[in-house]
C-alpha atoms as a PDB file:
ATOM      1  CA  MET A   1       4.866  24.916 -15.175  1.00  0.00           C
ATOM      2  CA  LYS A   2       4.131  24.711 -11.482  1.00  0.00           C
ATOM      3  CA  LYS A   3       6.842  25.743  -9.067  1.00  0.00           C
ATOM      4  CA  THR A   4       7.868  23.525  -6.177  1.00  0.00           C
ATOM      5  CA  ALA A   5       9.306  26.176  -3.909  1.00  0.00           C
ATOM      6  CA  LEU A   6       6.346  25.962  -1.546  1.00  0.00           C
ATOM      7  CA  PHE A   7       7.360  22.456  -0.445  1.00  0.00           C
ATOM      8  CA  SER A   8      10.073  23.879   1.794  1.00  0.00           C
ATOM      9  CA  SER A   9       7.429  25.740   3.809  1.00  0.00           C
ATOM     10  CA  LEU A  10       4.743  23.096   3.757  1.00  0.00           C
ATOM     11  CA  ARG A  11       2.778  22.955   6.999  1.00  0.00           C
ATOM     12  CA  LEU A  12       0.459  20.114   7.755  1.00  0.00           C
ATOM     13  CA  CYS A  13      -2.204  21.440  10.140  1.00  0.00           C
ATOM     14  CA  VAL A  14      -4.590  18.563  10.917  1.00  0.00           C
ATOM     15  CA  LEU A  15      -5.244  15.758  13.411  1.00  0.00           C
ATOM     16  CA  CYS A  16      -3.324  12.953  11.753  1.00  0.00           C
ATOM     17  CA  ILE A  17      -0.647  10.363  12.194  1.00  0.00           C
ATOM     18  CA  PHE A  18       2.525  11.213  10.309  1.00  0.00           C
ATOM     19  CA  ILE A  19       4.920   8.285  10.570  1.00  0.00           C
ATOM     20  CA  THR A  20       8.205   9.615   9.296  1.00  0.00           C
ATOM     21  CA  ALA A  21      10.796  12.227   9.998  1.00  0.00           C
ATOM     22  CA  VAL A  22      11.110  14.831   7.273  1.00  0.00           C
ATOM     23  CA  PRO A  23      14.686  15.355   6.076  1.00  0.00           C
ATOM     24  CA  THR A  24      15.334  17.605   3.104  1.00  0.00           C
ATOM     25  CA  LEU A  25      14.839  16.216  -0.359  1.00  0.00           C
ATOM     26  CA  ILE A  26      18.534  16.611  -1.108  1.00  0.00           C
ATOM     27  CA  ASP A  27      19.476  13.888   1.369  1.00  0.00           C
ATOM     28  CA  ALA A  28      21.263  10.912  -0.165  1.00  0.00           C
ATOM     29  CA  LYS A  29      18.446   8.604   0.896  1.00  0.00           C
ATOM     30  CA  GLN A  30      15.008  10.094   0.308  1.00  0.00           C
ATOM     31  CA  THR A  31      12.402   9.561   2.996  1.00  0.00           C
ATOM     32  CA  ASN A  32       9.210   7.614   2.354  1.00  0.00           C
ATOM     33  CA  PHE A  33       5.951   9.198   3.534  1.00  0.00           C
ATOM     34  CA  LEU A  34       2.930   7.366   4.954  1.00  0.00           C
ATOM     35  CA  PHE A  35       0.174   9.859   5.728  1.00  0.00           C
ATOM     36  CA  PHE A  36      -3.093   8.845   7.395  1.00  0.00           C
ATOM     37  CA  LEU A  37      -6.074  11.218   7.570  1.00  0.00           C
ATOM     38  CA  VAL A  38      -9.222  10.284   9.513  1.00  0.00           C
ATOM     39  CA  ASP A  39     -12.441  12.194   8.845  1.00  0.00           C
ATOM     40  CA  ASP A  40     -14.617  13.650  11.622  1.00  0.00           C
ATOM     41  CA  MET A  41     -12.713  11.990  14.459  1.00  0.00           C
ATOM     42  CA  GLY A  42     -12.795  13.831  17.777  1.00  0.00           C
ATOM     43  CA  TRP A  43      -9.554  14.670  19.558  1.00  0.00           C
ATOM     44  CA  ALA A  44     -10.602  12.563  22.558  1.00  0.00           C
ATOM     45  CA  ASP A  45     -11.721   9.559  20.495  1.00  0.00           C
ATOM     46  CA  ILE A  46      -8.453   7.624  20.707  1.00  0.00           C
ATOM     47  CA  GLY A  47      -6.844   5.848  23.613  1.00  0.00           C
ATOM     48  CA  ALA A  48      -3.676   7.933  23.305  1.00  0.00           C
ATOM     49  CA  ASN A  49      -5.717  11.027  24.188  1.00  0.00           C
ATOM     50  CA  GLY A  50      -7.547   9.440  27.091  1.00  0.00           C
ATOM     51  CA  SER A  51     -10.573   7.638  25.650  1.00  0.00           C
ATOM     52  CA  LYS A  52     -11.662   4.689  27.778  1.00  0.00           C
ATOM     53  CA  PHE A  53     -14.464   3.690  25.411  1.00  0.00           C
ATOM     54  CA  HIS A  54     -12.841   3.676  21.970  1.00  0.00           C
ATOM     55  CA  GLU A  55     -10.135   1.068  21.523  1.00  0.00           C
ATOM     56  CA  THR A  56      -7.464   2.275  19.085  1.00  0.00           C
ATOM     57  CA  PRO A  57      -4.349   0.162  19.771  1.00  0.00           C
ATOM     58  CA  ASN A  58      -2.656   0.783  16.416  1.00  0.00           C
ATOM     59  CA  ILE A  59      -3.029   4.559  16.605  1.00  0.00           C
ATOM     60  CA  ASP A  60      -1.920   4.465  20.242  1.00  0.00           C
ATOM     61  CA  ARG A  61       1.199   2.530  19.288  1.00  0.00           C
ATOM     62  CA  LEU A  62       2.080   5.082  16.620  1.00  0.00           C
ATOM     63  CA  ALA A  63       1.555   7.881  19.136  1.00  0.00           C
ATOM     64  CA  ARG A  64       3.864   6.218  21.663  1.00  0.00           C
ATOM     65  CA  SER A  65       6.623   5.564  19.155  1.00  0.00           C
ATOM     66  CA  GLY A  66       6.432   8.845  17.256  1.00  0.00           C
ATOM     67  CA  MET A  67       6.057  12.569  17.806  1.00  0.00           C
ATOM     68  CA  ARG A  68       2.766  14.029  19.026  1.00  0.00           C
ATOM     69  CA  PHE A  69       1.703  17.599  18.282  1.00  0.00           C
ATOM     70  CA  THR A  70      -0.448  18.511  21.279  1.00  0.00           C
ATOM     71  CA  GLN A  71      -0.981  22.162  20.317  1.00  0.00           C
ATOM     72  CA  GLY A  72      -1.795  21.694  16.643  1.00  0.00           C
ATOM     73  CA  TYR A  73      -4.997  22.987  15.104  1.00  0.00           C
ATOM     74  CA  ALA A  74      -6.826  22.111  11.913  1.00  0.00           C
ATOM     75  CA  ALA A  75      -6.686  24.821   9.260  1.00  0.00           C
ATOM     76  CA  GLY A  76     -10.466  24.580   8.917  1.00  0.00           C
ATOM     77  CA  SER A  77     -13.355  23.203  10.948  1.00  0.00           C
ATOM     78  CA  VAL A  78     -14.786  21.104   8.111  1.00  0.00           C
ATOM     79  CA  CYS A  79     -13.658  18.788   5.304  1.00  0.00           C
ATOM     80  CA  SER A  80     -12.567  20.640   2.195  1.00  0.00           C
ATOM     81  CA  PRO A  81     -10.686  23.624   3.713  1.00  0.00           C
ATOM     82  CA  THR A  82      -8.471  21.402   5.835  1.00  0.00           C
ATOM     83  CA  ARG A  83      -7.831  19.029   2.940  1.00  0.00           C
ATOM     84  CA  ALA A  84      -6.895  21.901   0.634  1.00  0.00           C
ATOM     85  CA  SER A  85      -4.514  23.208   3.282  1.00  0.00           C
ATOM     86  CA  ILE A  86      -2.809  19.845   3.716  1.00  0.00           C
ATOM     87  CA  MET A  87      -2.435  19.412  -0.028  1.00  0.00           C
ATOM     88  CA  THR A  88      -0.938  22.846  -0.655  1.00  0.00           C
ATOM     89  CA  GLY A  89       0.563  24.010   2.631  1.00  0.00           C
ATOM     90  CA  ARG A  90      -1.530  27.171   2.334  1.00  0.00           C
ATOM     91  CA  HIS A  91      -4.275  28.627   4.519  1.00  0.00           C
ATOM     92  CA  PRO A  92      -7.785  27.827   3.203  1.00  0.00           C
ATOM     93  CA  VAL A  93      -8.461  31.526   2.575  1.00  0.00           C
ATOM     94  CA  ARG A  94      -5.472  31.624   0.217  1.00  0.00           C
ATOM     95  CA  VAL A  95      -6.981  28.916  -1.974  1.00  0.00           C
ATOM     96  CA  ASN A  96     -10.513  30.315  -1.577  1.00  0.00           C
ATOM     97  CA  ILE A  97     -11.987  27.197   0.030  1.00  0.00           C
ATOM     98  CA  THR A  98     -13.375  28.041   3.476  1.00  0.00           C
ATOM     99  CA  ASP A  99     -16.343  25.665   3.672  1.00  0.00           C
ATOM    100  CA  TRP A 100     -16.990  22.089   2.694  1.00  0.00           C
ATOM    101  CA  ILE A 101     -17.667  21.764  -1.025  1.00  0.00           C
ATOM    102  CA  PRO A 102     -20.305  22.781  -2.178  1.00  0.00           C
ATOM    103  CA  GLY A 103     -21.021  24.555   1.117  1.00  0.00           C
ATOM    104  CA  GLN A 104     -24.180  25.689   2.854  1.00  0.00           C
ATOM    105  CA  SER A 105     -24.525  29.347   1.882  1.00  0.00           C
ATOM    106  CA  ASN A 106     -28.341  29.371   1.931  1.00  0.00           C
ATOM    107  CA  ARG A 107     -28.888  28.391   5.565  1.00  0.00           C
ATOM    108  CA  LYS A 108     -31.010  31.073   7.228  1.00  0.00           C
ATOM    109  CA  THR A 109     -29.309  30.472  10.564  1.00  0.00           C
ATOM    110  CA  ASN A 110     -25.820  31.365   9.332  1.00  0.00           C
ATOM    111  CA  PRO A 111     -24.771  34.439  11.340  1.00  0.00           C
ATOM    112  CA  LEU A 112     -22.527  35.793   8.555  1.00  0.00           C
ATOM    113  CA  LEU A 113     -22.712  36.204   4.804  1.00  0.00           C
ATOM    114  CA  HIS A 114     -21.059  33.270   3.087  1.00  0.00           C
ATOM    115  CA  PRO A 115     -18.015  34.006   0.886  1.00  0.00           C
ATOM    116  CA  ASP A 116     -17.926  33.012  -2.768  1.00  0.00           C
ATOM    117  CA  ASP A 117     -15.815  29.893  -2.347  1.00  0.00           C
ATOM    118  CA  LEU A 118     -14.393  27.819  -5.157  1.00  0.00           C
ATOM    119  CA  SER A 119     -15.939  24.416  -5.805  1.00  0.00           C
ATOM    120  CA  HIS A 120     -12.561  22.729  -6.333  1.00  0.00           C
ATOM    121  CA  LEU A 121      -8.867  22.975  -5.572  1.00  0.00           C
ATOM    122  CA  PRO A 122      -7.389  24.934  -8.518  1.00  0.00           C
ATOM    123  CA  LEU A 123      -5.095  22.872 -10.714  1.00  0.00           C
ATOM    124  CA  ALA A 124      -2.617  25.756 -10.619  1.00  0.00           C
ATOM    125  CA  GLU A 125      -1.992  25.099  -6.922  1.00  0.00           C
ATOM    126  CA  VAL A 126       1.081  23.013  -6.146  1.00  0.00           C
ATOM    127  CA  THR A 127       0.210  19.932  -4.103  1.00  0.00           C
ATOM    128  CA  ILE A 128       2.518  17.893  -1.905  1.00  0.00           C
ATOM    129  CA  ALA A 129       2.166  15.062  -4.445  1.00  0.00           C
ATOM    130  CA  GLU A 130       3.348  17.285  -7.303  1.00  0.00           C
ATOM    131  CA  ALA A 131       6.264  18.609  -5.276  1.00  0.00           C
ATOM    132  CA  LEU A 132       7.426  15.115  -4.340  1.00  0.00           C
ATOM    133  CA  LYS A 133       6.795  13.725  -7.817  1.00  0.00           C
ATOM    134  CA  GLU A 134       9.284  16.202  -9.275  1.00  0.00           C
ATOM    135  CA  HIS A 135      11.870  14.614  -6.987  1.00  0.00           C
ATOM    136  CA  GLY A 136      11.230  11.095  -8.233  1.00  0.00           C
ATOM    137  CA  TYR A 137       8.535   9.970  -5.792  1.00  0.00           C
ATOM    138  CA  GLN A 138       5.820   7.435  -6.516  1.00  0.00           C
ATOM    139  CA  THR A 139       2.536   8.946  -5.347  1.00  0.00           C
ATOM    140  CA  PHE A 140      -0.507   6.965  -4.198  1.00  0.00           C
ATOM    141  CA  PHE A 141      -3.873   8.228  -2.941  1.00  0.00           C
ATOM    142  CA  ALA A 142      -6.716   6.222  -1.409  1.00  0.00           C
ATOM    143  CA  GLY A 143      -9.973   7.368   0.143  1.00  0.00           C
ATOM    144  CA  LYS A 144     -11.767  10.670   0.529  1.00  0.00           C
ATOM    145  CA  TRP A 145     -10.762  13.546  -1.783  1.00  0.00           C
ATOM    146  CA  HIS A 146     -13.634  16.104  -1.680  1.00  0.00           C
ATOM    147  CA  LEU A 147     -11.664  18.748  -3.589  1.00  0.00           C
ATOM    148  CA  GLY A 148     -13.373  18.851  -6.965  1.00  0.00           C
ATOM    149  CA  ASN A 149     -15.185  17.056  -9.757  1.00  0.00           C
ATOM    150  CA  GLU A 150     -13.746  14.704 -12.368  1.00  0.00           C
ATOM    151  CA  GLY A 151     -10.808  16.455 -13.992  1.00  0.00           C
ATOM    152  CA  GLN A 152      -9.798  17.761 -10.556  1.00  0.00           C
ATOM    153  CA  TRP A 153      -9.292  14.396  -8.849  1.00  0.00           C
ATOM    154  CA  PRO A 154      -6.053  13.127  -7.253  1.00  0.00           C
ATOM    155  CA  THR A 155      -4.565  11.953 -10.564  1.00  0.00           C
ATOM    156  CA  ASP A 156      -4.989  15.517 -11.853  1.00  0.00           C
ATOM    157  CA  GLN A 157      -3.122  16.863  -8.822  1.00  0.00           C
ATOM    158  CA  GLY A 158       0.087  14.844  -8.836  1.00  0.00           C
ATOM    159  CA  PHE A 159      -0.935  11.350  -7.727  1.00  0.00           C
ATOM    160  CA  ASP A 160      -0.027   8.368  -9.906  1.00  0.00           C
ATOM    161  CA  ILE A 161      -2.819   6.230  -8.457  1.00  0.00           C
ATOM    162  CA  ASN A 162      -6.259   7.135  -7.103  1.00  0.00           C
ATOM    163  CA  ILE A 163      -8.316   4.557  -5.211  1.00  0.00           C
ATOM    164  CA  GLY A 164     -11.770   5.877  -4.335  1.00  0.00           C
ATOM    165  CA  GLY A 165     -11.145   9.632  -4.342  1.00  0.00           C
ATOM    166  CA  HIS A 166     -13.840  11.777  -6.012  1.00  0.00           C
ATOM    167  CA  HIS A 167     -16.001  14.876  -5.463  1.00  0.00           C
ATOM    168  CA  ARG A 168     -18.265  13.624  -2.677  1.00  0.00           C
ATOM    169  CA  GLY A 169     -17.553  14.115   1.013  1.00  0.00           C
ATOM    170  CA  SER A 170     -19.446  11.041   2.194  1.00  0.00           C
ATOM    171  CA  PRO A 171     -19.193   7.586   0.619  1.00  0.00           C
ATOM    172  CA  PRO A 172     -21.982   7.272  -1.990  1.00  0.00           C
ATOM    173  CA  GLY A 173     -23.996   4.166  -1.285  1.00  0.00           C
ATOM    174  CA  GLY A 174     -22.491   3.823   2.180  1.00  0.00           C
ATOM    175  CA  TYR A 175     -19.595   1.817   3.568  1.00  0.00           C
ATOM    176  CA  TYR A 176     -20.846  -1.609   2.508  1.00  0.00           C
ATOM    177  CA  SER A 177     -21.015  -2.723  -1.109  1.00  0.00           C
ATOM    178  CA  PRO A 178     -22.791  -2.460  -3.400  1.00  0.00           C
ATOM    179  CA  TRP A 179     -21.691   1.179  -3.208  1.00  0.00           C
ATOM    180  CA  SER A 180     -21.682   3.764  -6.023  1.00  0.00           C
ATOM    181  CA  ASN A 181     -18.186   5.231  -5.721  1.00  0.00           C
ATOM    182  CA  PRO A 182     -17.206   6.362  -9.257  1.00  0.00           C
ATOM    183  CA  ALA A 183     -13.520   5.797  -8.527  1.00  0.00           C
ATOM    184  CA  LEU A 184     -13.698   2.359  -6.887  1.00  0.00           C
ATOM    185  CA  LYS A 185     -15.612  -0.754  -7.895  1.00  0.00           C
ATOM    186  CA  ALA A 186     -16.491  -3.275  -5.200  1.00  0.00           C
ATOM    187  CA  LYS A 187     -14.921  -6.720  -5.430  1.00  0.00           C
ATOM    188  CA  ARG A 188     -17.652  -8.632  -3.622  1.00  0.00           C
ATOM    189  CA  PRO A 189     -21.078  -8.103  -1.987  1.00  0.00           C
ATOM    190  CA  GLY A 190     -20.858  -6.791   1.553  1.00  0.00           C
ATOM    191  CA  GLU A 191     -17.287  -5.533   1.177  1.00  0.00           C
ATOM    192  CA  TYR A 192     -16.403  -2.868   3.789  1.00  0.00           C
ATOM    193  CA  LEU A 193     -14.953   0.325   2.313  1.00  0.00           C
ATOM    194  CA  THR A 194     -12.475   1.060   5.104  1.00  0.00           C
ATOM    195  CA  GLU A 195     -11.022  -2.426   4.887  1.00  0.00           C
ATOM    196  CA  ARG A 196     -10.798  -2.204   1.082  1.00  0.00           C
ATOM    197  CA  LEU A 197      -8.897   1.101   1.203  1.00  0.00           C
ATOM    198  CA  THR A 198      -6.454  -0.418   3.681  1.00  0.00           C
ATOM    199  CA  ASP A 199      -5.952  -3.514   1.521  1.00  0.00           C
ATOM    200  CA  GLU A 200      -5.295  -1.395  -1.575  1.00  0.00           C
ATOM    201  CA  SER A 201      -2.718   0.640   0.340  1.00  0.00           C
ATOM    202  CA  VAL A 202      -0.938  -2.500   1.528  1.00  0.00           C
ATOM    203  CA  LYS A 203      -0.985  -3.816  -2.036  1.00  0.00           C
ATOM    204  CA  PHE A 204       0.728  -0.647  -3.248  1.00  0.00           C
ATOM    205  CA  LEU A 205       3.447  -0.998  -0.604  1.00  0.00           C
ATOM    206  CA  GLU A 206       4.070  -4.586  -1.638  1.00  0.00           C
ATOM    207  CA  GLU A 207       4.060  -4.006  -5.402  1.00  0.00           C
ATOM    208  CA  ARG A 208       5.664  -0.558  -5.726  1.00  0.00           C
ATOM    209  CA  ASP A 209       9.049   0.071  -7.322  1.00  0.00           C
ATOM    210  CA  LYS A 210      11.422  -0.545  -4.412  1.00  0.00           C
ATOM    211  CA  THR A 211      14.142   1.574  -6.031  1.00  0.00           C
ATOM    212  CA  SER A 212      12.137   4.817  -5.761  1.00  0.00           C
ATOM    213  CA  PRO A 213      10.758   6.699  -2.725  1.00  0.00           C
ATOM    214  CA  PHE A 214       7.010   7.023  -2.237  1.00  0.00           C
ATOM    215  CA  LEU A 215       4.175   9.074  -0.793  1.00  0.00           C
ATOM    216  CA  LEU A 216       1.211   7.005   0.379  1.00  0.00           C
ATOM    217  CA  TYR A 217      -1.735   9.224   1.323  1.00  0.00           C
ATOM    218  CA  LEU A 218      -4.523   7.186   2.949  1.00  0.00           C
ATOM    219  CA  SER A 219      -7.554   9.374   3.616  1.00  0.00           C
ATOM    220  CA  TYR A 220     -10.311   7.320   5.232  1.00  0.00           C
ATOM    221  CA  TYR A 221     -13.986   8.224   4.749  1.00  0.00           C
ATOM    222  CA  ASN A 222     -14.614   7.091   8.311  1.00  0.00           C
ATOM    223  CA  ILE A 223     -15.875   8.427  10.670  1.00  0.00           C
ATOM    224  CA  HIS A 224     -18.038  10.590   8.408  1.00  0.00           C
ATOM    225  CA  THR A 225     -21.710   9.733   8.060  1.00  0.00           C
ATOM    226  CA  PRO A 226     -23.432   7.426   7.361  1.00  0.00           C
ATOM    227  CA  ILE A 227     -22.633   5.757  10.685  1.00  0.00           C
ATOM    228  CA  GLN A 228     -22.006   2.166   9.576  1.00  0.00           C
ATOM    229  CA  ALA A 229     -19.605   0.316  11.829  1.00  0.00           C
ATOM    230  CA  TYR A 230     -17.479  -2.687  10.976  1.00  0.00           C
ATOM    231  CA  LYS A 231     -19.889  -5.542  11.700  1.00  0.00           C
ATOM    232  CA  LYS A 232     -17.457  -7.733  13.601  1.00  0.00           C
ATOM    233  CA  HIS A 233     -17.015  -4.970  16.215  1.00  0.00           C
ATOM    234  CA  ILE A 234     -20.659  -4.017  16.780  1.00  0.00           C
ATOM    235  CA  ASP A 235     -21.597  -6.577  19.447  1.00  0.00           C
ATOM    236  CA  HIS A 236     -18.475  -5.786  21.464  1.00  0.00           C
ATOM    237  CA  TYR A 237     -19.207  -2.057  21.553  1.00  0.00           C
ATOM    238  CA  LYS A 238     -22.930  -2.507  22.137  1.00  0.00           C
ATOM    239  CA  ALA A 239     -22.137  -4.407  25.315  1.00  0.00           C
ATOM    240  CA  LYS A 240     -19.558  -1.828  26.313  1.00  0.00           C
ATOM    241  CA  ALA A 241     -21.946   1.075  25.666  1.00  0.00           C
ATOM    242  CA  ALA A 242     -24.709  -0.534  27.717  1.00  0.00           C
ATOM    243  CA  LYS A 243     -22.435  -0.424  30.754  1.00  0.00           C
ATOM    244  CA  ALA A 244     -20.837   2.957  30.100  1.00  0.00           C
ATOM    245  CA  PHE A 245     -23.816   5.169  29.135  1.00  0.00           C
ATOM    246  CA  GLN A 246     -26.849   4.713  31.364  1.00  0.00           C
ATOM    247  CA  ASP A 247     -27.899   8.334  31.888  1.00  0.00           C
ATOM    248  CA  VAL A 248     -29.994  10.563  29.604  1.00  0.00           C
ATOM    249  CA  THR A 249     -28.170  11.680  26.462  1.00  0.00           C
ATOM    250  CA  PRO A 250     -27.189  15.379  26.823  1.00  0.00           C
ATOM    251  CA  THR A 251     -28.109  17.832  24.051  1.00  0.00           C
ATOM    252  CA  GLU A 252     -27.301  21.397  23.036  1.00  0.00           C
ATOM    253  CA  PRO A 253     -28.731  23.905  20.506  1.00  0.00           C
ATOM    254  CA  GLU A 254     -26.843  24.223  17.230  1.00  0.00           C
ATOM    255  CA  HIS A 255     -27.884  26.230  14.144  1.00  0.00           C
ATOM    256  CA  ASP A 256     -31.611  25.596  13.679  1.00  0.00           C
ATOM    257  CA  GLY A 257     -31.858  22.359  15.635  1.00  0.00           C
ATOM    258  CA  ILE A 258     -30.864  20.390  18.714  1.00  0.00           C
ATOM    259  CA  ASN A 259     -27.838  18.119  18.578  1.00  0.00           C
ATOM    260  CA  ARG A 260     -26.878  15.218  20.786  1.00  0.00           C
ATOM    261  CA  THR A 261     -23.504  15.673  22.435  1.00  0.00           C
ATOM    262  CA  ARG A 262     -23.152  11.908  22.697  1.00  0.00           C
ATOM    263  CA  GLN A 263     -24.184   9.202  20.261  1.00  0.00           C
ATOM    264  CA  ASP A 264     -27.154   7.152  21.414  1.00  0.00           C
ATOM    265  CA  ASN A 265     -25.778   4.179  19.492  1.00  0.00           C
ATOM    266  CA  PRO A 266     -21.982   4.536  19.534  1.00  0.00           C
ATOM    267  CA  ALA A 267     -21.574   0.955  18.369  1.00  0.00           C
ATOM    268  CA  LEU A 268     -23.384   1.645  15.082  1.00  0.00           C
END
């Protein structure tokens, strides 16, 4: 049986919005947890951190009304290691996941030999969902998982409900339906994945058992590729980009290619 002792030392090392205080689980009234994780978002890509181009009023409001960790660092530079660290409270090396799953060990430009990483988060690891579940919490997951194949999905790691979490790091089929997400069927043609994940999370909050505490873990696939913006915002940002970026796009060498340091089409 898994032990829950690690919960007392759980450390969440990632750029995220964490909306609640964290009293001990022995308090008379147990705290509810709403955890938002955004994929591939730059530190300076929100208004609260100084962006004049990206408009993020809801995130900015949370930042103003809550606590900001201005010297926090992600446990890993890519998807899976950071996610494993959040789930377990352990450093990625401890769970043997130091690159995105399945990794890129065969790239000739890698300066170091690649370690033999695991291709999933071991079921023996204690997740935050399992720790909270043992204390009577309802546990809900929506969005990007990227920590293992079927049999190692959120519902195998302590979550009661899994909406859209599977082995892939990017949304199969893209952000607009018809997509091919094995853990989420589209409701209508042209449905936008980010909006659907939000709606499912709101539905859980409305329909959950109000007598029990909950963990809601909303892990958006955005802003990971493919770059497919919400259509109702595209014209607004196209016009804004035309005024803001009129010089030549800067580039820099990276691995075996040349990368843009600014998107040519930030509205898309």
